[in-house]
Amino acid sequence: MILITAIVSIIGAISSYNYDMDPANGVDIFEGFGAVLIAVVGGFVVFYELDLFYTTYYFFIKPKTIAKSILNVLSNLTLFIMFFTDSIAHFLFKYVSQIFGEEVILLFALFFIYVILRIVCAVIPVRQSAKRN
């Protein structure tokens, strides 16, 4: 699934770029922007699929602890929530604060939370093995 998504994204970006660069189509101002957008969205989807693969790999194969299981699920959910940043930011803008008028703020905050959760998840086995010794 990851490979298929990557290939489809690359093929879509190439065909979009070729369409934009053809002078017969009349694209004039944002030539190649569609290709960049397809590549970025495809890259994010591949990144999410890799994270989902790691989470399922953890639950099926690796030894589990309660803390690490919770951190894996929370980090994956945080990454999944990033798909709905626009709706969440609109709700927060309407009912919480005007600062959420820009969705980018929420997007960066969610990505920062994801990175922190993954770092904590990576540190947990080191701390537990240090306690055993």
N, C-alpha and C. Protein backbone atom coordinates (compact mmCIF):
# COMPACT_ATOMS: atom_id res chain seq x y z
N MET A 1 0.82 -1.19 0.00
CA MET A 1 0.00 0.00 0.00
C MET A 1 0.87 1.26 0.00
N ILE A 2 1.96 1.22 0.77
CA ILE A 2 2.86 2.37 0.83
C ILE A 2 3.51 2.60 -0.53
N LEU A 3 3.97 1.52 -1.14
CA LEU A 3 4.61 1.63 -2.45
C LEU A 3 3.64 2.11 -3.51
N ILE A 4 2.42 1.62 -3.49
CA ILE A 4 1.41 2.05 -4.45
C ILE A 4 1.12 3.54 -4.30
N THR A 5 0.98 4.00 -3.07
CA THR A 5 0.73 5.42 -2.82
C THR A 5 1.88 6.28 -3.31
N ALA A 6 3.10 5.84 -3.07
CA ALA A 6 4.27 6.60 -3.53
C ALA A 6 4.32 6.66 -5.05
N ILE A 7 4.08 5.53 -5.71
CA ILE A 7 4.12 5.49 -7.18
C ILE A 7 3.01 6.35 -7.78
N VAL A 8 1.81 6.24 -7.25
CA VAL A 8 0.68 7.04 -7.76
C VAL A 8 0.95 8.53 -7.56
N SER A 9 1.52 8.91 -6.44
CA SER A 9 1.83 10.31 -6.19
C SER A 9 2.88 10.82 -7.17
N ILE A 10 3.90 10.04 -7.41
CA ILE A 10 4.95 10.46 -8.34
C ILE A 10 4.39 10.57 -9.76
N ILE A 11 3.61 9.58 -10.18
CA ILE A 11 3.03 9.61 -11.53
C ILE A 11 2.07 10.80 -11.66
N GLY A 12 1.27 11.06 -10.63
CA GLY A 12 0.37 12.20 -10.66
C GLY A 12 1.10 13.52 -10.73
N ALA A 13 2.18 13.66 -9.98
CA ALA A 13 2.97 14.89 -10.00
C ALA A 13 3.62 15.10 -11.36
N ILE A 14 4.14 14.03 -11.95
CA ILE A 14 4.78 14.14 -13.26
C ILE A 14 3.76 14.52 -14.33
N SER A 15 2.60 13.87 -14.31
CA SER A 15 1.59 14.19 -15.33
C SER A 15 1.05 15.60 -15.13
N SER A 16 0.90 16.06 -13.89
CA SER A 16 0.47 17.43 -13.64
C SER A 16 1.51 18.43 -14.13
N TYR A 17 2.78 18.13 -13.89
CA TYR A 17 3.84 19.02 -14.35
C TYR A 17 3.88 19.07 -15.88
N ASN A 18 3.77 17.91 -16.52
CA ASN A 18 3.77 17.89 -17.99
C ASN A 18 2.58 18.65 -18.56
N TYR A 19 1.43 18.55 -17.93
CA TYR A 19 0.25 19.30 -18.37
C TYR A 19 0.48 20.80 -18.22
N ASP A 20 1.05 21.21 -17.10
CA ASP A 20 1.29 22.64 -16.87
C ASP A 20 2.33 23.22 -17.81
N MET A 21 3.30 22.44 -18.20
CA MET A 21 4.37 22.95 -19.05
C MET A 21 4.02 22.95 -20.55
N ASP A 22 2.93 22.32 -20.91
CA ASP A 22 2.50 22.30 -22.31
C ASP A 22 1.88 23.66 -22.65
N PRO A 23 2.46 24.41 -23.59
CA PRO A 23 1.93 25.74 -23.90
C PRO A 23 0.52 25.71 -24.50
N ALA A 24 0.10 24.59 -25.04
CA ALA A 24 -1.23 24.49 -25.64
C ALA A 24 -2.34 24.53 -24.59
N ASN A 25 -2.03 24.24 -23.33
CA ASN A 25 -3.06 24.19 -22.29
C ASN A 25 -3.37 25.56 -21.69
N GLY A 26 -2.50 26.52 -21.86
CA GLY A 26 -2.78 27.87 -21.40
C GLY A 26 -2.59 28.11 -19.91
N VAL A 27 -1.89 27.26 -19.22
CA VAL A 27 -1.59 27.50 -17.81
C VAL A 27 -0.51 28.57 -17.77
N ASP A 28 -0.76 29.65 -17.02
CA ASP A 28 0.19 30.75 -17.12
C ASP A 28 0.84 31.19 -15.82
N ILE A 29 0.16 31.16 -14.71
CA ILE A 29 0.73 31.80 -13.53
C ILE A 29 1.38 30.83 -12.54
N PHE A 30 0.74 29.74 -12.24
CA PHE A 30 1.28 28.81 -11.27
C PHE A 30 1.73 27.52 -11.95
N GLU A 31 2.61 27.63 -12.89
CA GLU A 31 3.09 26.45 -13.60
C GLU A 31 3.88 25.55 -12.64
N GLY A 32 3.49 24.30 -12.55
CA GLY A 32 4.18 23.35 -11.70
C GLY A 32 3.69 23.31 -10.27
N PHE A 33 2.80 24.23 -9.89
CA PHE A 33 2.31 24.27 -8.51
C PHE A 33 1.48 23.03 -8.19
N GLY A 34 0.70 22.57 -9.14
CA GLY A 34 -0.11 21.36 -8.93
C GLY A 34 0.77 20.15 -8.67
N ALA A 35 1.90 20.07 -9.37
CA ALA A 35 2.82 18.95 -9.18
C ALA A 35 3.42 18.99 -7.78
N VAL A 36 3.77 20.18 -7.31
CA VAL A 36 4.33 20.32 -5.97
C VAL A 36 3.28 19.95 -4.92
N LEU A 37 2.05 20.40 -5.13
CA LEU A 37 0.98 20.09 -4.19
C LEU A 37 0.71 18.59 -4.13
N ILE A 38 0.68 17.93 -5.28
CA ILE A 38 0.48 16.48 -5.31
C ILE A 38 1.63 15.77 -4.61
N ALA A 39 2.85 16.22 -4.83
CA ALA A 39 4.02 15.59 -4.20
C ALA A 39 3.99 15.77 -2.68
N VAL A 40 3.59 16.94 -2.19
CA VAL A 40 3.55 17.19 -0.75
C VAL A 40 2.46 16.36 -0.09
N VAL A 41 1.27 16.35 -0.68
CA VAL A 41 0.17 15.58 -0.10
C VAL A 41 0.50 14.08 -0.17
N GLY A 42 1.04 13.62 -1.28
CA GLY A 42 1.44 12.22 -1.41
C GLY A 42 2.52 11.85 -0.41
N GLY A 43 3.47 12.74 -0.19
CA GLY A 43 4.52 12.49 0.79
C GLY A 43 3.97 12.40 2.19
N PHE A 44 3.00 13.26 2.53
CA PHE A 44 2.40 13.19 3.86
C PHE A 44 1.61 11.90 4.03
N VAL A 45 0.89 11.48 2.99
CA VAL A 45 0.12 10.23 3.09
C VAL A 45 1.06 9.04 3.25
N VAL A 46 2.17 9.04 2.51
CA VAL A 46 3.15 7.96 2.66
C VAL A 46 3.75 7.98 4.07
N PHE A 47 4.03 9.16 4.59
CA PHE A 47 4.55 9.28 5.95
C PHE A 47 3.55 8.72 6.96
N TYR A 48 2.26 9.04 6.79
CA TYR A 48 1.25 8.50 7.70
C TYR A 48 1.15 6.98 7.57
N GLU A 49 1.22 6.48 6.35
CA GLU A 49 1.15 5.03 6.16
C GLU A 49 2.34 4.33 6.82
N LEU A 50 3.51 4.93 6.74
CA LEU A 50 4.68 4.36 7.42
C LEU A 50 4.49 4.36 8.93
N ASP A 51 3.94 5.44 9.47
CA ASP A 51 3.69 5.49 10.90
C ASP A 51 2.64 4.46 11.31
N LEU A 52 1.61 4.31 10.51
CA LEU A 52 0.59 3.30 10.78
C LEU A 52 1.17 1.90 10.71
N PHE A 53 2.08 1.67 9.76
CA PHE A 53 2.76 0.38 9.67
C PHE A 53 3.58 0.12 10.93
N TYR A 54 4.31 1.13 11.40
CA TYR A 54 5.10 0.95 12.61
C TYR A 54 4.20 0.65 13.81
N THR A 55 3.08 1.35 13.90
CA THR A 55 2.17 1.14 15.03
C THR A 55 1.61 -0.28 15.01
N THR A 56 1.19 -0.76 13.85
CA THR A 56 0.67 -2.13 13.77
C THR A 56 1.78 -3.14 13.99
N TYR A 57 2.99 -2.86 13.51
CA TYR A 57 4.14 -3.73 13.76
C TYR A 57 4.40 -3.83 15.26
N TYR A 58 4.31 -2.70 15.95
CA TYR A 58 4.52 -2.70 17.39
C TYR A 58 3.49 -3.58 18.08
N PHE A 59 2.23 -3.45 17.73
CA PHE A 59 1.19 -4.20 18.42
C PHE A 59 1.19 -5.69 18.08
N PHE A 60 1.69 -6.06 16.93
CA PHE A 60 1.69 -7.48 16.57
C PHE A 60 2.99 -8.20 16.91
N ILE A 61 4.13 -7.52 16.93
CA ILE A 61 5.41 -8.21 17.03
C ILE A 61 6.23 -7.81 18.26
N LYS A 62 6.38 -6.54 18.52
CA LYS A 62 7.28 -6.10 19.58
C LYS A 62 6.70 -6.33 20.97
N PRO A 63 7.55 -6.45 21.98
CA PRO A 63 7.05 -6.55 23.36
C PRO A 63 6.38 -5.24 23.76
N LYS A 64 5.29 -5.35 24.46
CA LYS A 64 4.48 -4.18 24.77
C LYS A 64 4.54 -3.79 26.24
N THR A 65 4.47 -2.49 26.46
CA THR A 65 4.24 -1.95 27.79
C THR A 65 3.01 -1.05 27.69
N ILE A 66 2.36 -0.81 28.79
CA ILE A 66 1.16 0.02 28.75
C ILE A 66 1.49 1.43 28.31
N ALA A 67 2.54 2.00 28.85
CA ALA A 67 2.91 3.37 28.51
C ALA A 67 3.28 3.50 27.03
N LYS A 68 4.06 2.57 26.54
CA LYS A 68 4.48 2.63 25.15
C LYS A 68 3.29 2.40 24.21
N SER A 69 2.37 1.54 24.59
CA SER A 69 1.17 1.31 23.78
C SER A 69 0.33 2.57 23.69
N ILE A 70 0.14 3.23 24.82
CA ILE A 70 -0.64 4.47 24.83
C ILE A 70 0.05 5.54 23.99
N LEU A 71 1.36 5.66 24.12
CA LEU A 71 2.09 6.65 23.34
C LEU A 71 2.03 6.36 21.84
N ASN A 72 2.10 5.10 21.45
CA ASN A 72 1.98 4.74 20.04
C ASN A 72 0.63 5.12 19.47
N VAL A 73 -0.42 4.81 20.20
CA VAL A 73 -1.77 5.13 19.73
C VAL A 73 -1.98 6.64 19.68
N LEU A 74 -1.55 7.36 20.72
CA LEU A 74 -1.71 8.81 20.74
C LEU A 74 -0.93 9.50 19.63
N SER A 75 0.29 9.05 19.37
CA SER A 75 1.07 9.67 18.30
C SER A 75 0.44 9.40 16.93
N ASN A 76 -0.08 8.19 16.73
CA ASN A 76 -0.73 7.89 15.46
C ASN A 76 -2.02 8.70 15.32
N LEU A 77 -2.78 8.83 16.38
CA LEU A 77 -4.00 9.65 16.33
C LEU A 77 -3.69 11.12 16.08
N THR A 78 -2.61 11.61 16.67
CA THR A 78 -2.20 12.99 16.44
C THR A 78 -1.88 13.22 14.97
N LEU A 79 -1.18 12.28 14.37
CA LEU A 79 -0.86 12.40 12.96
C LEU A 79 -2.12 12.29 12.10
N PHE A 80 -3.06 11.44 12.50
CA PHE A 80 -4.32 11.30 11.77
C PHE A 80 -5.17 12.57 11.87
N ILE A 81 -5.18 13.19 13.03
CA ILE A 81 -5.95 14.42 13.24
C ILE A 81 -5.44 15.54 12.34
N MET A 82 -4.18 15.48 11.93
CA MET A 82 -3.64 16.51 11.05
C MET A 82 -4.39 16.57 9.72
N PHE A 83 -5.05 15.50 9.31
CA PHE A 83 -5.85 15.53 8.09
C PHE A 83 -7.06 16.45 8.25
N PHE A 84 -7.52 16.65 9.47
CA PHE A 84 -8.72 17.44 9.73
C PHE A 84 -8.39 18.78 10.38
N THR A 85 -7.20 19.31 10.12
CA THR A 85 -6.75 20.55 10.74
C THR A 85 -7.67 21.71 10.39
N ASP A 86 -8.16 21.77 9.17
CA ASP A 86 -9.00 22.88 8.75
C ASP A 86 -10.29 22.95 9.57
N SER A 87 -10.96 21.82 9.71
CA SER A 87 -12.22 21.80 10.48
C SER A 87 -11.99 22.09 11.96
N ILE A 88 -10.94 21.52 12.51
CA ILE A 88 -10.64 21.74 13.93
C ILE A 88 -10.26 23.20 14.17
N ALA A 89 -9.44 23.76 13.27
CA ALA A 89 -9.03 25.16 13.42
C ALA A 89 -10.24 26.09 13.29
N HIS A 90 -11.15 25.77 12.39
CA HIS A 90 -12.36 26.60 12.26
C HIS A 90 -13.19 26.56 13.54
N PHE A 91 -13.35 25.38 14.11
CA PHE A 91 -14.09 25.24 15.38
C PHE A 91 -13.40 26.02 16.49
N LEU A 92 -12.08 25.86 16.61
CA LEU A 92 -11.33 26.56 17.66
C LEU A 92 -11.36 28.07 17.45
N PHE A 93 -11.31 28.51 16.21
CA PHE A 93 -11.38 29.93 15.90
C PHE A 93 -12.73 30.50 16.30
N LYS A 94 -13.77 29.73 16.07
CA LYS A 94 -15.13 30.19 16.36
C LYS A 94 -15.44 30.21 17.85
N TYR A 95 -14.98 29.19 18.59
CA TYR A 95 -15.38 29.05 19.98
C TYR A 95 -14.28 29.27 21.02
N VAL A 96 -13.02 29.27 20.62
CA VAL A 96 -11.95 29.38 21.63
C VAL A 96 -11.19 30.68 21.50
N SER A 97 -10.48 30.87 20.38
CA SER A 97 -9.63 32.05 20.26
C SER A 97 -9.44 32.41 18.79
N GLN A 98 -9.20 33.68 18.56
CA GLN A 98 -8.97 34.18 17.21
C GLN A 98 -7.62 33.73 16.64
N ILE A 99 -6.73 33.27 17.49
CA ILE A 99 -5.40 32.86 17.04
C ILE A 99 -5.46 31.65 16.11
N PHE A 100 -6.53 30.87 16.21
CA PHE A 100 -6.66 29.68 15.38
C PHE A 100 -7.22 30.00 13.99
N GLY A 101 -7.27 31.28 13.63
CA GLY A 101 -7.71 31.66 12.29
C GLY A 101 -6.76 31.14 11.22
N GLU A 102 -5.54 30.97 11.58
CA GLU A 102 -4.55 30.38 10.67
C GLU A 102 -4.39 28.90 11.03
N GLU A 103 -4.73 28.04 10.08
CA GLU A 103 -4.65 26.60 10.33
C GLU A 103 -3.23 26.11 10.55
N VAL A 104 -2.27 26.87 10.05
CA VAL A 104 -0.87 26.47 10.14
C VAL A 104 -0.42 26.37 11.59
N ILE A 105 -0.96 27.23 12.45
CA ILE A 105 -0.59 27.19 13.86
C ILE A 105 -0.97 25.85 14.47
N LEU A 106 -2.19 25.41 14.21
CA LEU A 106 -2.64 24.12 14.72
C LEU A 106 -1.86 22.97 14.08
N LEU A 107 -1.56 23.10 12.80
CA LEU A 107 -0.80 22.06 12.10
C LEU A 107 0.58 21.88 12.72
N PHE A 108 1.27 22.98 12.95
CA PHE A 108 2.60 22.89 13.57
C PHE A 108 2.52 22.39 15.01
N ALA A 109 1.49 22.80 15.73
CA ALA A 109 1.33 22.34 17.11
C ALA A 109 1.10 20.83 17.15
N LEU A 110 0.24 20.33 16.26
CA LEU A 110 -0.01 18.89 16.22
C LEU A 110 1.25 18.12 15.81
N PHE A 111 1.99 18.64 14.84
CA PHE A 111 3.22 17.95 14.43
C PHE A 111 4.25 17.97 15.55
N PHE A 112 4.33 19.08 16.29
CA PHE A 112 5.24 19.16 17.43
C PHE A 112 4.85 18.13 18.50
N ILE A 113 3.55 18.01 18.78
CA ILE A 113 3.07 17.01 19.74
C ILE A 113 3.42 15.61 19.26
N TYR A 114 3.25 15.36 17.95
CA TYR A 114 3.59 14.05 17.39
C TYR A 114 5.07 13.74 17.60
N VAL A 115 5.93 14.69 17.32
CA VAL A 115 7.38 14.47 17.47
C VAL A 115 7.72 14.21 18.93
N ILE A 116 7.15 14.98 19.84
CA ILE A 116 7.40 14.78 21.27
C ILE A 116 6.94 13.39 21.71
N LEU A 117 5.75 12.98 21.26
CA LEU A 117 5.26 11.65 21.63
C LEU A 117 6.16 10.54 21.11
N ARG A 118 6.63 10.68 19.88
CA ARG A 118 7.54 9.67 19.32
C ARG A 118 8.89 9.64 20.04
N ILE A 119 9.39 10.80 20.44
CA ILE A 119 10.65 10.85 21.18
C ILE A 119 10.48 10.18 22.53
N VAL A 120 9.40 10.49 23.23
CA VAL A 120 9.14 9.87 24.53
C VAL A 120 8.97 8.36 24.36
N CYS A 121 8.30 7.96 23.29
CA CYS A 121 8.10 6.54 23.02
C CYS A 121 9.44 5.84 22.77
N ALA A 122 10.36 6.51 22.12
CA ALA A 122 11.67 5.93 21.86
C ALA A 122 12.53 5.87 23.12
N VAL A 123 12.31 6.79 24.06
CA VAL A 123 13.12 6.86 25.27
C VAL A 123 12.67 5.84 26.31
N ILE A 124 11.42 5.46 26.31
CA ILE A 124 10.88 4.57 27.35
C ILE A 124 11.67 3.27 27.50
N PRO A 125 11.99 2.52 26.45
CA PRO A 125 12.73 1.27 26.67
C PRO A 125 14.11 1.50 27.26
N VAL A 126 14.74 2.61 26.94
CA VAL A 126 16.06 2.89 27.47
C VAL A 126 15.98 3.08 28.98
N ARG A 127 14.97 3.79 29.43
CA ARG A 127 14.82 4.02 30.87
C ARG A 127 14.48 2.72 31.60
N GLN A 128 13.65 1.87 31.03
CA GLN A 128 13.27 0.63 31.68
C GLN A 128 14.43 -0.35 31.74
N SER A 129 15.25 -0.41 30.68
CA SER A 129 16.38 -1.32 30.72
C SER A 129 17.46 -0.80 31.67
N ALA A 130 17.55 0.51 31.83
CA ALA A 130 18.51 1.07 32.78
C ALA A 130 18.11 0.74 34.21
N LYS A 131 16.81 0.69 34.49
CA LYS A 131 16.34 0.35 35.83
C LYS A 131 16.61 -1.12 36.16
N ARG A 132 16.57 -1.98 35.17
CA ARG A 132 16.81 -3.41 35.40
C ARG A 132 18.26 -3.69 35.75
N ASN A 133 19.16 -2.91 35.17
CA ASN A 133 20.58 -3.11 35.43
C ASN A 133 20.91 -2.53 36.74
